[in-house]
Amino acid sequence: MSKSFFEKNKTLIIVSVVVLVILAMIVGMYNNFVTLDQNINGKWSLVENDYQRQADLIPNFVSTVSNQVGVETTFVKDVIGARTAYATAQSQYQKDLAGQQMNSGINAVVNAVAEDYPELLASEGYTALRDELAGSQNRITKSRKDYIDAIQAYNTATKKFPANVFANMFGFVEKEYYEATAELTTPVLGDGVLPQ
């Protein structure tokens, strides 16, 4: 009695199926790491887009404040400096630091205006710009949270077994989480004295 093809090649077929399953798992894991990595890049792009939107609003905001208050305050210089630092930043860390410095400066002037410049509070142009900047800051906060969540999903995937073995093999290493920095300073709205 002659043996069927399967019976003759049983071991070869089983080994081939196991190899194909393992290859499919490896390809799936690799593609998952690529997807998670690209998701992080996309989320950071949204953070940058929101920071850029804020940076684009600053010249009008600074102009409105300076025209209404009648002085170029320390705030104006600090916020313009942070905006310039953002525009020239080379790394994500530098961009995020400058972006947070812009937020800090804007918050300082909004708080000072509420206390010391009631005529500016009554200005429709100031109010509209303040609201636009508040919206930008809310979007930045949301985008940064989404970015951190994307890093968490990626890092979790690279640490789970057996994916961690392949992650290291393919060069997918743990990414650093965003960390708050102590380098931020809060500018203060000027004292009404024109700079010399």
N, C-alpha and C. Protein backbone atom coordinates (compact mmCIF):
# COMPACT_ATOMS: atom_id res chain seq x y z
N MET A 1 0.84 -1.17 0.00
CA MET A 1 0.00 0.00 0.00
C MET A 1 0.89 1.23 0.00
N SER A 2 0.64 2.12 -0.93
CA SER A 2 1.48 3.30 -1.02
C SER A 2 0.96 4.39 -0.07
N LYS A 3 1.88 5.17 0.45
CA LYS A 3 1.54 6.23 1.38
C LYS A 3 1.13 7.47 0.60
N SER A 4 0.20 8.24 1.21
CA SER A 4 -0.22 9.49 0.58
C SER A 4 0.89 10.54 0.73
N PHE A 5 0.72 11.61 -0.03
CA PHE A 5 1.70 12.70 0.01
C PHE A 5 1.86 13.23 1.44
N PHE A 6 0.74 13.41 2.15
CA PHE A 6 0.79 13.91 3.51
C PHE A 6 1.55 12.95 4.42
N GLU A 7 1.30 11.71 4.31
CA GLU A 7 1.99 10.73 5.16
C GLU A 7 3.47 10.69 4.87
N LYS A 8 3.83 10.83 3.59
CA LYS A 8 5.25 10.80 3.22
C LYS A 8 5.98 12.05 3.73
N ASN A 9 5.30 13.18 3.72
CA ASN A 9 5.95 14.45 4.04
C ASN A 9 5.38 15.10 5.30
N LYS A 10 4.87 14.31 6.18
CA LYS A 10 4.20 14.79 7.39
C LYS A 10 5.11 15.73 8.20
N THR A 11 6.31 15.33 8.47
CA THR A 11 7.24 16.14 9.25
C THR A 11 7.55 17.45 8.55
N LEU A 12 7.82 17.40 7.27
CA LEU A 12 8.12 18.60 6.49
C LEU A 12 6.94 19.56 6.49
N ILE A 13 5.74 19.04 6.35
CA ILE A 13 4.55 19.90 6.34
C ILE A 13 4.35 20.55 7.70
N ILE A 14 4.50 19.79 8.77
CA ILE A 14 4.33 20.34 10.13
C ILE A 14 5.38 21.41 10.39
N VAL A 15 6.63 21.14 10.05
CA VAL A 15 7.71 22.12 10.26
C VAL A 15 7.41 23.38 9.43
N SER A 16 6.96 23.20 8.19
CA SER A 16 6.66 24.34 7.32
C SER A 16 5.53 25.19 7.90
N VAL A 17 4.50 24.55 8.41
CA VAL A 17 3.38 25.29 9.00
C VAL A 17 3.84 26.05 10.24
N VAL A 18 4.64 25.42 11.09
CA VAL A 18 5.15 26.08 12.29
C VAL A 18 6.01 27.28 11.90
N VAL A 19 6.87 27.12 10.92
CA VAL A 19 7.73 28.22 10.46
C VAL A 19 6.88 29.36 9.91
N LEU A 20 5.88 29.04 9.13
CA LEU A 20 5.00 30.09 8.56
C LEU A 20 4.24 30.82 9.66
N VAL A 21 3.78 30.10 10.67
CA VAL A 21 3.07 30.73 11.79
C VAL A 21 4.02 31.68 12.54
N ILE A 22 5.24 31.21 12.79
CA ILE A 22 6.22 32.06 13.49
C ILE A 22 6.56 33.28 12.66
N LEU A 23 6.78 33.11 11.36
CA LEU A 23 7.06 34.26 10.48
C LEU A 23 5.90 35.24 10.47
N ALA A 24 4.67 34.72 10.43
CA ALA A 24 3.49 35.60 10.45
C ALA A 24 3.43 36.38 11.76
N MET A 25 3.77 35.74 12.87
CA MET A 25 3.79 36.43 14.16
C MET A 25 4.84 37.52 14.18
N ILE A 26 6.03 37.22 13.66
CA ILE A 26 7.12 38.20 13.64
C ILE A 26 6.74 39.39 12.77
N VAL A 27 6.21 39.12 11.59
CA VAL A 27 5.79 40.21 10.69
C VAL A 27 4.69 41.04 11.36
N GLY A 28 3.73 40.37 11.99
CA GLY A 28 2.66 41.08 12.69
C GLY A 28 3.19 41.97 13.81
N MET A 29 4.14 41.44 14.59
CA MET A 29 4.73 42.23 15.68
C MET A 29 5.50 43.42 15.12
N TYR A 30 6.29 43.18 14.09
CA TYR A 30 7.06 44.26 13.49
C TYR A 30 6.11 45.36 12.99
N ASN A 31 5.08 44.96 12.26
CA ASN A 31 4.13 45.94 11.74
C ASN A 31 3.42 46.68 12.86
N ASN A 32 3.14 46.00 13.95
CA ASN A 32 2.52 46.66 15.11
C ASN A 32 3.47 47.71 15.70
N PHE A 33 4.74 47.38 15.83
CA PHE A 33 5.71 48.35 16.35
C PHE A 33 5.82 49.57 15.43
N VAL A 34 5.83 49.32 14.12
CA VAL A 34 5.89 50.42 13.16
C VAL A 34 4.67 51.31 13.31
N THR A 35 3.50 50.70 13.43
CA THR A 35 2.25 51.46 13.59
C THR A 35 2.27 52.29 14.86
N LEU A 36 2.69 51.69 15.96
CA LEU A 36 2.76 52.42 17.23
C LEU A 36 3.78 53.55 17.18
N ASP A 37 4.92 53.30 16.55
CA ASP A 37 5.96 54.33 16.41
C ASP A 37 5.45 55.50 15.56
N GLN A 38 4.78 55.19 14.47
CA GLN A 38 4.25 56.24 13.61
C GLN A 38 3.12 57.00 14.32
N ASN A 39 2.37 56.33 15.16
CA ASN A 39 1.33 57.00 15.94
C ASN A 39 1.96 58.05 16.87
N ILE A 40 3.08 57.71 17.48
CA ILE A 40 3.78 58.67 18.33
C ILE A 40 4.21 59.88 17.51
N ASN A 41 4.79 59.63 16.34
CA ASN A 41 5.22 60.74 15.48
C ASN A 41 4.03 61.61 15.08
N GLY A 42 2.91 60.98 14.76
CA GLY A 42 1.71 61.73 14.39
C GLY A 42 1.19 62.57 15.54
N LYS A 43 1.20 61.99 16.73
CA LYS A 43 0.72 62.73 17.92
C LYS A 43 1.63 63.92 18.22
N TRP A 44 2.94 63.73 18.05
CA TRP A 44 3.86 64.86 18.28
C TRP A 44 3.62 65.94 17.23
N SER A 45 3.31 65.57 16.00
CA SER A 45 3.02 66.55 14.96
C SER A 45 1.81 67.40 15.35
N LEU A 46 0.82 66.78 15.97
CA LEU A 46 -0.34 67.54 16.43
C LEU A 46 0.04 68.52 17.54
N VAL A 47 0.93 68.09 18.44
CA VAL A 47 1.41 69.00 19.49
C VAL A 47 2.10 70.19 18.84
N GLU A 48 2.99 69.92 17.90
CA GLU A 48 3.69 71.02 17.21
C GLU A 48 2.72 71.93 16.48
N ASN A 49 1.73 71.34 15.83
CA ASN A 49 0.73 72.14 15.12
C ASN A 49 0.00 73.07 16.08
N ASP A 50 -0.37 72.57 17.25
CA ASP A 50 -1.06 73.40 18.23
C ASP A 50 -0.14 74.49 18.80
N TYR A 51 1.12 74.15 19.05
CA TYR A 51 2.08 75.17 19.49
C TYR A 51 2.24 76.24 18.40
N GLN A 52 2.32 75.81 17.15
CA GLN A 52 2.49 76.77 16.06
C GLN A 52 1.28 77.70 15.96
N ARG A 53 0.10 77.15 16.15
CA ARG A 53 -1.11 77.98 16.13
C ARG A 53 -1.01 79.04 17.22
N GLN A 54 -0.57 78.63 18.40
CA GLN A 54 -0.40 79.58 19.50
C GLN A 54 0.65 80.63 19.14
N ALA A 55 1.77 80.17 18.59
CA ALA A 55 2.85 81.10 18.23
C ALA A 55 2.37 82.11 17.18
N ASP A 56 1.51 81.66 16.26
CA ASP A 56 1.00 82.56 15.22
C ASP A 56 0.06 83.62 15.79
N LEU A 57 -0.58 83.34 16.91
CA LEU A 57 -1.48 84.32 17.53
C LEU A 57 -0.73 85.35 18.38
N ILE A 58 0.48 85.03 18.80
CA ILE A 58 1.20 85.89 19.73
C ILE A 58 1.47 87.29 19.19
N PRO A 59 1.91 87.49 17.92
CA PRO A 59 2.15 88.87 17.48
C PRO A 59 0.91 89.77 17.61
N ASN A 60 -0.27 89.27 17.26
CA ASN A 60 -1.49 90.08 17.41
C ASN A 60 -1.80 90.33 18.88
N PHE A 61 -1.59 89.33 19.70
CA PHE A 61 -1.85 89.46 21.13
C PHE A 61 -0.91 90.49 21.74
N VAL A 62 0.37 90.39 21.42
CA VAL A 62 1.37 91.32 21.93
C VAL A 62 1.05 92.74 21.46
N SER A 63 0.70 92.87 20.20
CA SER A 63 0.36 94.18 19.65
C SER A 63 -0.85 94.78 20.36
N THR A 64 -1.86 93.99 20.57
CA THR A 64 -3.07 94.46 21.24
C THR A 64 -2.76 94.90 22.67
N VAL A 65 -2.02 94.09 23.39
CA VAL A 65 -1.67 94.43 24.77
C VAL A 65 -0.81 95.69 24.81
N SER A 66 0.21 95.75 23.97
CA SER A 66 1.12 96.92 23.97
C SER A 66 0.37 98.19 23.60
N ASN A 67 -0.51 98.11 22.61
CA ASN A 67 -1.27 99.30 22.20
C ASN A 67 -2.22 99.76 23.29
N GLN A 68 -2.88 98.84 23.95
CA GLN A 68 -3.86 99.20 24.99
C GLN A 68 -3.18 99.67 26.26
N VAL A 69 -2.10 99.01 26.65
CA VAL A 69 -1.42 99.36 27.90
C VAL A 69 -0.49 100.54 27.68
N GLY A 70 0.03 100.66 26.46
CA GLY A 70 0.88 101.79 26.12
C GLY A 70 2.34 101.59 26.45
N VAL A 71 2.73 100.39 26.78
CA VAL A 71 4.14 100.13 27.09
C VAL A 71 4.53 98.79 26.51
N GLU A 72 5.83 98.62 26.28
CA GLU A 72 6.35 97.31 25.95
C GLU A 72 6.79 96.69 27.25
N THR A 73 6.01 95.79 27.74
CA THR A 73 6.22 95.22 29.06
C THR A 73 7.26 94.11 29.02
N THR A 74 7.67 93.70 30.21
CA THR A 74 8.55 92.54 30.33
C THR A 74 7.88 91.34 29.70
N PHE A 75 6.56 91.24 29.87
CA PHE A 75 5.79 90.15 29.27
C PHE A 75 6.03 90.07 27.78
N VAL A 76 5.95 91.21 27.12
CA VAL A 76 6.10 91.24 25.66
C VAL A 76 7.46 90.66 25.27
N LYS A 77 8.47 91.09 25.93
CA LYS A 77 9.83 90.62 25.61
C LYS A 77 9.96 89.12 25.90
N ASP A 78 9.43 88.67 27.02
CA ASP A 78 9.53 87.25 27.39
C ASP A 78 8.76 86.35 26.43
N VAL A 79 7.56 86.77 26.07
CA VAL A 79 6.74 85.95 25.18
C VAL A 79 7.33 85.93 23.77
N ILE A 80 7.81 87.08 23.31
CA ILE A 80 8.46 87.12 21.99
C ILE A 80 9.72 86.26 22.01
N GLY A 81 10.47 86.31 23.12
CA GLY A 81 11.65 85.46 23.25
C GLY A 81 11.30 83.98 23.21
N ALA A 82 10.21 83.60 23.89
CA ALA A 82 9.78 82.20 23.89
C ALA A 82 9.31 81.80 22.50
N ARG A 83 8.62 82.71 21.81
CA ARG A 83 8.16 82.41 20.45
C ARG A 83 9.35 82.21 19.51
N THR A 84 10.36 83.07 19.64
CA THR A 84 11.57 82.94 18.83
C THR A 84 12.29 81.63 19.16
N ALA A 85 12.37 81.29 20.45
CA ALA A 85 13.00 80.03 20.85
C ALA A 85 12.24 78.85 20.25
N TYR A 86 10.92 78.96 20.19
CA TYR A 86 10.12 77.87 19.60
C TYR A 86 10.44 77.75 18.11
N ALA A 87 10.50 78.88 17.43
CA ALA A 87 10.73 78.86 15.97
C ALA A 87 12.10 78.30 15.62
N THR A 88 13.08 78.46 16.50
CA THR A 88 14.44 78.01 16.20
C THR A 88 14.82 76.69 16.87
N ALA A 89 13.90 76.15 17.66
CA ALA A 89 14.19 74.89 18.38
C ALA A 89 14.44 73.75 17.41
N GLN A 90 15.41 72.91 17.75
CA GLN A 90 15.80 71.79 16.90
C GLN A 90 15.24 70.46 17.38
N SER A 91 14.99 70.33 18.67
CA SER A 91 14.55 69.04 19.21
C SER A 91 13.13 69.16 19.77
N GLN A 92 12.52 68.01 19.98
CA GLN A 92 11.19 67.99 20.58
C GLN A 92 11.23 68.63 21.97
N TYR A 93 12.27 68.31 22.72
CA TYR A 93 12.39 68.85 24.07
C TYR A 93 12.46 70.38 24.03
N GLN A 94 13.28 70.94 23.13
CA GLN A 94 13.41 72.39 23.02
C GLN A 94 12.09 73.03 22.59
N LYS A 95 11.41 72.40 21.63
CA LYS A 95 10.13 72.93 21.18
C LYS A 95 9.10 72.90 22.30
N ASP A 96 9.06 71.81 23.04
CA ASP A 96 8.10 71.72 24.12
C ASP A 96 8.41 72.72 25.22
N LEU A 97 9.66 72.88 25.55
CA LEU A 97 10.06 73.85 26.57
C LEU A 97 9.67 75.27 26.15
N ALA A 98 9.98 75.63 24.91
CA ALA A 98 9.62 76.97 24.43
C ALA A 98 8.11 77.13 24.36
N GLY A 99 7.41 76.08 23.96
CA GLY A 99 5.95 76.15 23.90
C GLY A 99 5.35 76.37 25.28
N GLN A 100 5.88 75.67 26.27
CA GLN A 100 5.39 75.85 27.63
C GLN A 100 5.74 77.25 28.14
N GLN A 101 6.87 77.78 27.71
CA GLN A 101 7.25 79.13 28.12
C GLN A 101 6.28 80.15 27.50
N MET A 102 5.85 79.90 26.26
CA MET A 102 4.83 80.76 25.65
C MET A 102 3.55 80.71 26.48
N ASN A 103 3.13 79.49 26.86
CA ASN A 103 1.92 79.34 27.69
C ASN A 103 2.05 80.13 28.99
N SER A 104 3.19 80.01 29.62
CA SER A 104 3.42 80.68 30.90
C SER A 104 3.32 82.20 30.74
N GLY A 105 3.93 82.72 29.69
CA GLY A 105 3.89 84.16 29.45
C GLY A 105 2.49 84.66 29.17
N ILE A 106 1.76 83.92 28.38
CA ILE A 106 0.38 84.30 28.06
C ILE A 106 -0.47 84.28 29.33
N ASN A 107 -0.32 83.26 30.13
CA ASN A 107 -1.08 83.18 31.38
C ASN A 107 -0.74 84.33 32.31
N ALA A 108 0.53 84.73 32.34
CA ALA A 108 0.94 85.84 33.21
C ALA A 108 0.25 87.13 32.80
N VAL A 109 0.21 87.40 31.51
CA VAL A 109 -0.42 88.65 31.08
C VAL A 109 -1.93 88.60 31.28
N VAL A 110 -2.54 87.47 31.03
CA VAL A 110 -3.99 87.37 31.22
C VAL A 110 -4.34 87.62 32.69
N ASN A 111 -3.56 87.05 33.59
CA ASN A 111 -3.81 87.26 35.03
C ASN A 111 -3.56 88.71 35.43
N ALA A 112 -2.48 89.31 34.92
CA ALA A 112 -2.15 90.69 35.26
C ALA A 112 -3.20 91.65 34.70
N VAL A 113 -3.65 91.40 33.48
CA VAL A 113 -4.66 92.26 32.86
C VAL A 113 -5.94 92.24 33.67
N ALA A 114 -6.31 91.06 34.14
CA ALA A 114 -7.54 90.93 34.92
C ALA A 114 -7.47 91.78 36.19
N GLU A 115 -6.28 91.92 36.73
CA GLU A 115 -6.12 92.67 37.97
C GLU A 115 -5.83 94.15 37.75
N ASP A 116 -4.97 94.48 36.78
CA ASP A 116 -4.43 95.83 36.69
C ASP A 116 -4.88 96.66 35.49
N TYR A 117 -5.50 96.06 34.50
CA TYR A 117 -5.81 96.81 33.28
C TYR A 117 -7.27 96.58 32.86
N PRO A 118 -8.23 97.14 33.58
CA PRO A 118 -9.63 96.92 33.25
C PRO A 118 -10.00 97.45 31.86
N GLU A 119 -9.31 98.49 31.40
CA GLU A 119 -9.61 99.01 30.06
C GLU A 119 -9.24 98.01 28.97
N LEU A 120 -8.22 97.22 29.21
CA LEU A 120 -7.83 96.18 28.26
C LEU A 120 -8.84 95.04 28.27
N LEU A 121 -9.34 94.72 29.45
CA LEU A 121 -10.36 93.68 29.55
C LEU A 121 -11.61 94.03 28.74
N ALA A 122 -11.90 95.33 28.62
CA ALA A 122 -13.08 95.77 27.89
C ALA A 122 -12.86 95.75 26.38
N SER A 123 -11.64 95.60 25.93
CA SER A 123 -11.33 95.61 24.50
C SER A 123 -11.79 94.30 23.85
N GLU A 124 -12.62 94.44 22.81
CA GLU A 124 -13.09 93.25 22.09
C GLU A 124 -11.95 92.49 21.43
N GLY A 125 -10.97 93.23 20.88
CA GLY A 125 -9.82 92.58 20.23
C GLY A 125 -9.02 91.74 21.22
N TYR A 126 -8.80 92.30 22.40
CA TYR A 126 -8.06 91.56 23.44
C TYR A 126 -8.85 90.32 23.86
N THR A 127 -10.14 90.50 24.11
CA THR A 127 -10.97 89.38 24.56
C THR A 127 -10.99 88.26 23.53
N ALA A 128 -11.13 88.61 22.26
CA ALA A 128 -11.16 87.59 21.21
C ALA A 128 -9.82 86.85 21.14
N LEU A 129 -8.71 87.59 21.20
CA LEU A 129 -7.39 86.95 21.15
C LEU A 129 -7.14 86.10 22.39
N ARG A 130 -7.57 86.60 23.54
CA ARG A 130 -7.40 85.83 24.79
C ARG A 130 -8.15 84.50 24.69
N ASP A 131 -9.37 84.57 24.15
CA ASP A 131 -10.16 83.35 23.99
C ASP A 131 -9.52 82.39 22.99
N GLU A 132 -8.98 82.93 21.90
CA GLU A 132 -8.29 82.09 20.91
C GLU A 132 -7.08 81.41 21.53
N LEU A 133 -6.33 82.17 22.32
CA LEU A 133 -5.14 81.60 22.97
C LEU A 133 -5.53 80.57 24.02
N ALA A 134 -6.62 80.81 24.74
CA ALA A 134 -7.09 79.82 25.71
C ALA A 134 -7.49 78.54 25.00
N GLY A 135 -8.14 78.68 23.86
CA GLY A 135 -8.49 77.51 23.06
C GLY A 135 -7.25 76.77 22.59
N SER A 136 -6.24 77.52 22.17
CA SER A 136 -4.98 76.90 21.75
C SER A 136 -4.33 76.15 22.90
N GLN A 137 -4.32 76.75 24.07
CA GLN A 137 -3.71 76.09 25.22
C GLN A 137 -4.47 74.82 25.59
N ASN A 138 -5.78 74.83 25.46
CA ASN A 138 -6.56 73.61 25.71
C ASN A 138 -6.22 72.53 24.70
N ARG A 139 -6.08 72.92 23.43
CA ARG A 139 -5.71 71.94 22.40
C ARG A 139 -4.31 71.39 22.65
N ILE A 140 -3.40 72.25 23.08
CA ILE A 140 -2.03 71.80 23.39
C ILE A 140 -2.08 70.76 24.52
N THR A 141 -2.83 71.05 25.56
CA THR A 141 -2.94 70.12 26.68
C THR A 141 -3.47 68.77 26.22
N LYS A 142 -4.51 68.79 25.40
CA LYS A 142 -5.10 67.55 24.88
C LYS A 142 -4.11 66.82 23.98
N SER A 143 -3.43 67.54 23.10
CA SER A 143 -2.48 66.92 22.19
C SER A 143 -1.30 66.30 22.95
N ARG A 144 -0.82 66.99 23.96
CA ARG A 144 0.28 66.45 24.76
C ARG A 144 -0.16 65.19 25.49
N LYS A 145 -1.40 65.16 25.99
CA LYS A 145 -1.91 63.96 26.65
C LYS A 145 -1.97 62.80 25.66
N ASP A 146 -2.47 63.07 24.45
CA ASP A 146 -2.55 62.02 23.43
C ASP A 146 -1.15 61.51 23.06
N TYR A 147 -0.18 62.41 23.01
CA TYR A 147 1.20 62.04 22.72
C TYR A 147 1.75 61.11 23.82
N ILE A 148 1.49 61.47 25.06
CA ILE A 148 1.95 60.64 26.18
C ILE A 148 1.27 59.28 26.15
N ASP A 149 -0.02 59.26 25.85
CA ASP A 149 -0.75 57.99 25.75
C ASP A 149 -0.17 57.10 24.64
N ALA A 150 0.22 57.72 23.52
CA ALA A 150 0.81 56.96 22.41
C ALA A 150 2.15 56.35 22.83
N ILE A 151 2.93 57.10 23.58
CA ILE A 151 4.21 56.58 24.08
C ILE A 151 3.95 55.41 25.04
N GLN A 152 2.94 55.55 25.89
CA GLN A 152 2.62 54.47 26.83
C GLN A 152 2.24 53.19 26.08
N ALA A 153 1.41 53.31 25.05
CA ALA A 153 0.99 52.13 24.28
C ALA A 153 2.20 51.48 23.60
N TYR A 154 3.09 52.30 23.05
CA TYR A 154 4.30 51.79 22.39
C TYR A 154 5.19 51.09 23.40
N ASN A 155 5.47 51.75 24.53
CA ASN A 155 6.35 51.16 25.54
C ASN A 155 5.78 49.87 26.10
N THR A 156 4.47 49.82 26.29
CA THR A 156 3.84 48.60 26.78
C THR A 156 4.05 47.47 25.78
N ALA A 157 3.86 47.77 24.50
CA ALA A 157 4.03 46.73 23.47
C ALA A 157 5.46 46.24 23.40
N THR A 158 6.44 47.12 23.61
CA THR A 158 7.83 46.69 23.53
C THR A 158 8.29 45.92 24.75
N LYS A 159 7.50 45.93 25.81
CA LYS A 159 7.90 45.22 27.04
C LYS A 159 7.20 43.88 27.22
N LYS A 160 6.11 43.66 26.49
CA LYS A 160 5.37 42.40 26.64
C LYS A 160 6.11 41.26 25.97
N PHE A 161 6.05 40.11 26.62
CA PHE A 161 6.67 38.90 26.06
C PHE A 161 5.67 38.23 25.13
N PRO A 162 6.07 37.74 24.00
CA PRO A 162 7.40 37.60 23.42
C PRO A 162 7.80 38.79 22.54
N ALA A 163 6.89 39.79 22.45
CA ALA A 163 7.16 40.92 21.57
C ALA A 163 8.45 41.65 21.96
N ASN A 164 8.78 41.68 23.25
CA ASN A 164 9.98 42.39 23.68
C ASN A 164 11.25 41.81 23.06
N VAL A 165 11.28 40.52 22.82
CA VAL A 165 12.45 39.89 22.18
C VAL A 165 12.62 40.45 20.77
N PHE A 166 11.51 40.51 20.05
CA PHE A 166 11.58 41.00 18.67
C PHE A 166 11.73 42.52 18.61
N ALA A 167 11.17 43.23 19.58
CA ALA A 167 11.32 44.69 19.61
C ALA A 167 12.80 45.06 19.68
N ASN A 168 13.52 44.42 20.58
CA ASN A 168 14.96 44.69 20.69
C ASN A 168 15.70 44.28 19.42
N MET A 169 15.31 43.17 18.85
CA MET A 169 15.97 42.69 17.64
C MET A 169 15.77 43.67 16.48
N PHE A 170 14.60 44.28 16.40
CA PHE A 170 14.30 45.22 15.31
C PHE A 170 14.65 46.66 15.65
N GLY A 171 15.17 46.91 16.83
CA GLY A 171 15.60 48.27 17.19
C GLY A 171 14.49 49.15 17.74
N PHE A 172 13.39 48.57 18.16
CA PHE A 172 12.31 49.35 18.76
C PHE A 172 12.55 49.40 20.26
N VAL A 173 13.15 50.50 20.70
CA VAL A 173 13.51 50.64 22.11
C VAL A 173 12.51 51.55 22.81
N GLU A 174 12.50 51.47 24.11
CA GLU A 174 11.58 52.27 24.92
C GLU A 174 11.78 53.76 24.65
N LYS A 175 10.68 54.48 24.56
CA LYS A 175 10.72 55.94 24.36
C LYS A 175 10.53 56.61 25.71
N GLU A 176 11.11 57.79 25.83
CA GLU A 176 11.00 58.54 27.08
C GLU A 176 9.66 59.26 27.15
N TYR A 177 9.08 59.26 28.32
CA TYR A 177 7.86 60.00 28.56
C TYR A 177 8.18 61.48 28.69
N TYR A 178 7.18 62.30 28.45
CA TYR A 178 7.33 63.73 28.70
C TYR A 178 7.52 63.93 30.19
N GLU A 179 8.45 64.78 30.53
CA GLU A 179 8.65 65.12 31.93
C GLU A 179 8.59 66.62 32.09
N ALA A 180 7.88 67.07 33.10
CA ALA A 180 7.81 68.50 33.38
C ALA A 180 9.20 69.00 33.72
N THR A 181 9.44 70.23 33.39
CA THR A 181 10.77 70.78 33.61
C THR A 181 10.71 71.93 34.61
N ALA A 182 11.77 72.09 35.34
CA ALA A 182 11.86 73.19 36.29
C ALA A 182 12.44 74.43 35.62
N GLU A 183 12.75 74.34 34.32
CA GLU A 183 13.38 75.46 33.63
C GLU A 183 12.41 76.58 33.28
N LEU A 184 11.11 76.35 33.42
CA LEU A 184 10.14 77.37 33.06
C LEU A 184 10.15 78.50 34.07
N THR A 185 10.02 79.72 33.55
CA THR A 185 9.89 80.88 34.41
C THR A 185 8.61 81.61 34.02
N THR A 186 7.98 82.23 34.97
CA THR A 186 6.76 82.96 34.69
C THR A 186 7.08 84.43 34.56
N PRO A 187 6.89 84.99 33.35
CA PRO A 187 7.15 86.41 33.18
C PRO A 187 6.10 87.23 33.92
N VAL A 188 6.45 88.46 34.20
CA VAL A 188 5.57 89.36 34.92
C VAL A 188 5.24 90.52 34.01
N LEU A 189 3.97 90.92 33.99
CA LEU A 189 3.59 92.07 33.18
C LEU A 189 4.31 93.29 33.72
N GLY A 190 4.78 94.13 32.82
CA GLY A 190 5.59 95.28 33.18
C GLY A 190 4.92 96.22 34.16
N ASP A 191 5.70 97.12 34.70
CA ASP A 191 5.19 98.03 35.72
C ASP A 191 4.72 99.34 35.11
N GLY A 192 4.59 99.40 33.78
CA GLY A 192 4.11 100.61 33.13
C GLY A 192 5.21 101.58 32.77
N VAL A 193 6.46 101.22 33.04
CA VAL A 193 7.59 102.08 32.72
C VAL A 193 8.15 101.67 31.38
N LEU A 194 8.29 102.62 30.49
CA LEU A 194 8.87 102.32 29.19
C LEU A 194 10.33 101.91 29.35
N PRO A 195 10.77 100.88 28.60
CA PRO A 195 12.17 100.48 28.70
C PRO A 195 13.08 101.53 28.09
N GLN A 196 14.26 101.65 28.63
CA GLN A 196 15.23 102.64 28.13
C GLN A 196 16.00 102.12 26.96
